[in-house]
Amino acid sequence: TLSNGLPVRIAEMHKVPVANVTLATKSGAAADPAGKFGLASLAAESVEGDLYKFKTGDCLTIKDPNNTVKSAKCTDAGAYKVLLRKDGTADDEVCADTEATTSLYQDDTGTKNDFVLCVGPVA
């Protein structure tokens, strides 16, 4: 396990001098909330925008085609609310005790600049 909590598995095959890296995440259609088909797939992709400015209680939108994150009014169509901001980590498990449907994170490779935004659709 890396210092940021990411589990790493190594399977060595000495007959083949090739490295293969596979990244598996807890996401997919099973993680989509009711009526929000495709949300987990969207959130699993990279996003663009200044995540640093968001804090708990703020609202934002994630717009295609570049998954651009922007400030929004909580009354805006498609808005998400930041349910929790956790600084000092890039581990989205901090969202487990919230009603977040997805997480956005800034991963500065194990530094104090890491943080997670646990977000969910505005009810």
Protein backbone atom coordinates (compact mmCIF):
# COMPACT_ATOMS: atom_id res chain seq x y z
CA THR A 1 0.00 0.00 0.00
CA LEU A 2 1.32 3.42 -0.97
CA SER A 3 1.53 6.29 1.51
CA ASN A 4 -1.70 7.74 0.07
CA GLY A 5 -3.59 4.50 0.81
CA LEU A 6 -3.61 3.16 -2.75
CA PRO A 7 -3.27 -0.64 -2.67
CA VAL A 8 -0.70 -2.01 -5.12
CA ARG A 9 -0.56 -5.57 -6.42
CA ILE A 10 2.49 -6.97 -8.23
CA ALA A 11 2.49 -10.12 -10.34
CA GLU A 12 5.95 -10.92 -11.66
CA MET A 13 6.50 -12.85 -14.90
CA HIS A 14 10.26 -13.07 -15.46
CA LYS A 15 9.90 -14.70 -18.90
CA VAL A 16 8.55 -11.49 -20.41
CA PRO A 17 10.53 -8.23 -20.03
CA VAL A 18 7.47 -6.00 -20.17
CA ALA A 19 5.71 -3.89 -17.56
CA ASN A 20 1.92 -3.65 -17.51
CA VAL A 21 0.01 -1.28 -15.24
CA THR A 22 -3.71 -1.69 -14.62
CA LEU A 23 -5.69 0.85 -12.61
CA ALA A 24 -8.92 -0.42 -11.05
CA THR A 25 -11.38 1.90 -9.33
CA LYS A 26 -14.58 1.41 -7.38
CA SER A 27 -16.91 2.87 -9.99
CA GLY A 28 -19.12 1.94 -12.89
CA ALA A 29 -22.81 1.62 -13.61
CA ALA A 30 -23.46 -0.09 -10.26
CA ALA A 31 -22.30 3.13 -8.55
CA ASP A 32 -24.78 5.32 -10.46
CA PRO A 33 -27.58 6.79 -8.35
CA ALA A 34 -31.16 6.16 -9.47
CA GLY A 35 -32.02 8.30 -12.48
CA LYS A 36 -28.42 9.42 -13.02
CA PHE A 37 -27.19 6.82 -15.53
CA GLY A 38 -23.57 7.45 -16.54
CA LEU A 39 -22.67 9.64 -13.57
CA ALA A 40 -20.01 7.26 -12.24
CA SER A 41 -18.39 7.03 -15.66
CA LEU A 42 -18.33 10.81 -15.96
CA ALA A 43 -16.82 11.25 -12.52
CA ALA A 44 -14.16 8.59 -13.13
CA GLU A 45 -12.68 10.76 -15.86
CA SER A 46 -10.45 13.76 -15.37
CA VAL A 47 -12.06 17.09 -14.66
CA GLU A 48 -10.94 20.60 -15.46
CA GLY A 49 -11.35 23.60 -13.20
CA ASP A 50 -10.16 25.13 -9.97
CA LEU A 51 -11.16 22.62 -7.30
CA TYR A 52 -9.21 24.52 -4.62
CA LYS A 53 -11.92 27.17 -4.24
CA PHE A 54 -14.69 24.76 -3.20
CA LYS A 55 -15.57 24.07 0.43
CA THR A 56 -18.30 22.15 2.22
CA GLY A 57 -21.71 23.60 1.32
CA ASP A 58 -20.65 25.08 -2.03
CA CYS A 59 -22.41 24.05 -5.23
CA LEU A 60 -20.87 23.27 -8.60
CA THR A 61 -21.62 21.89 -12.02
CA ILE A 62 -19.66 19.44 -14.14
CA LYS A 63 -20.14 20.21 -17.82
CA ASP A 64 -19.20 18.22 -20.91
CA PRO A 65 -17.25 17.92 -23.19
CA ASN A 66 -14.19 18.50 -20.97
CA ASN A 67 -15.80 17.74 -17.59
CA THR A 68 -15.29 21.37 -16.61
CA VAL A 69 -16.07 22.09 -12.96
CA LYS A 70 -17.57 25.53 -12.29
CA SER A 71 -19.18 27.32 -9.38
CA ALA A 72 -22.97 27.21 -9.46
CA LYS A 73 -26.03 28.24 -7.53
CA CYS A 74 -27.54 25.33 -5.65
CA THR A 75 -30.77 26.04 -7.55
CA ASP A 76 -29.09 25.56 -10.96
CA ALA A 77 -30.17 22.52 -12.99
CA GLY A 78 -27.69 19.68 -12.60
CA ALA A 79 -25.93 21.27 -9.64
CA TYR A 80 -23.96 19.20 -7.15
CA LYS A 81 -23.38 20.15 -3.54
CA VAL A 82 -20.05 19.66 -1.78
CA LEU A 83 -21.08 17.51 1.19
CA LEU A 84 -17.56 17.25 2.62
CA ARG A 85 -14.11 18.63 1.85
CA LYS A 86 -11.30 16.64 3.45
CA ASP A 87 -7.83 18.16 3.19
CA GLY A 88 -4.56 16.24 3.45
CA THR A 89 -5.74 13.10 1.63
CA ALA A 90 -6.68 11.88 -1.83
CA ASP A 91 -8.48 8.80 -0.44
CA ASP A 92 -12.12 8.94 -1.52
CA GLU A 93 -13.03 6.50 1.27
CA VAL A 94 -13.55 9.65 3.39
CA CYS A 95 -16.83 9.99 1.46
CA ALA A 96 -18.15 6.62 2.67
CA ASP A 97 -20.07 8.17 5.60
CA THR A 98 -21.71 10.85 3.44
CA GLU A 99 -24.49 10.69 0.88
CA ALA A 100 -22.01 11.61 -1.86
CA THR A 101 -22.57 10.01 -5.25
CA THR A 102 -19.07 10.84 -6.45
CA SER A 103 -15.80 12.34 -5.34
CA LEU A 104 -13.47 14.83 -6.96
CA TYR A 105 -9.93 15.05 -5.74
CA GLN A 106 -6.68 16.93 -6.10
CA ASP A 107 -3.84 14.46 -5.81
CA ASP A 108 -0.51 16.19 -5.36
CA THR A 109 1.18 12.82 -4.69
CA GLY A 110 0.96 12.54 -0.92
CA THR A 111 1.37 16.15 0.10
CA LYS A 112 -0.60 18.51 2.30
CA ASN A 113 -2.08 19.89 -0.94
CA ASP A 114 -4.14 16.71 -1.48
CA PHE A 115 -7.87 16.95 -0.84
CA VAL A 116 -11.16 15.23 -1.62
CA LEU A 117 -14.52 16.82 -2.41
CA CYS A 118 -17.44 14.50 -1.67
CA VAL A 119 -20.34 15.71 -3.85
CA GLY A 120 -23.91 14.73 -4.48
CA PRO A 121 -26.83 16.04 -6.55
CA VAL A 122 -28.78 18.87 -4.97
CA ALA A 123 -32.09 17.45 -3.74
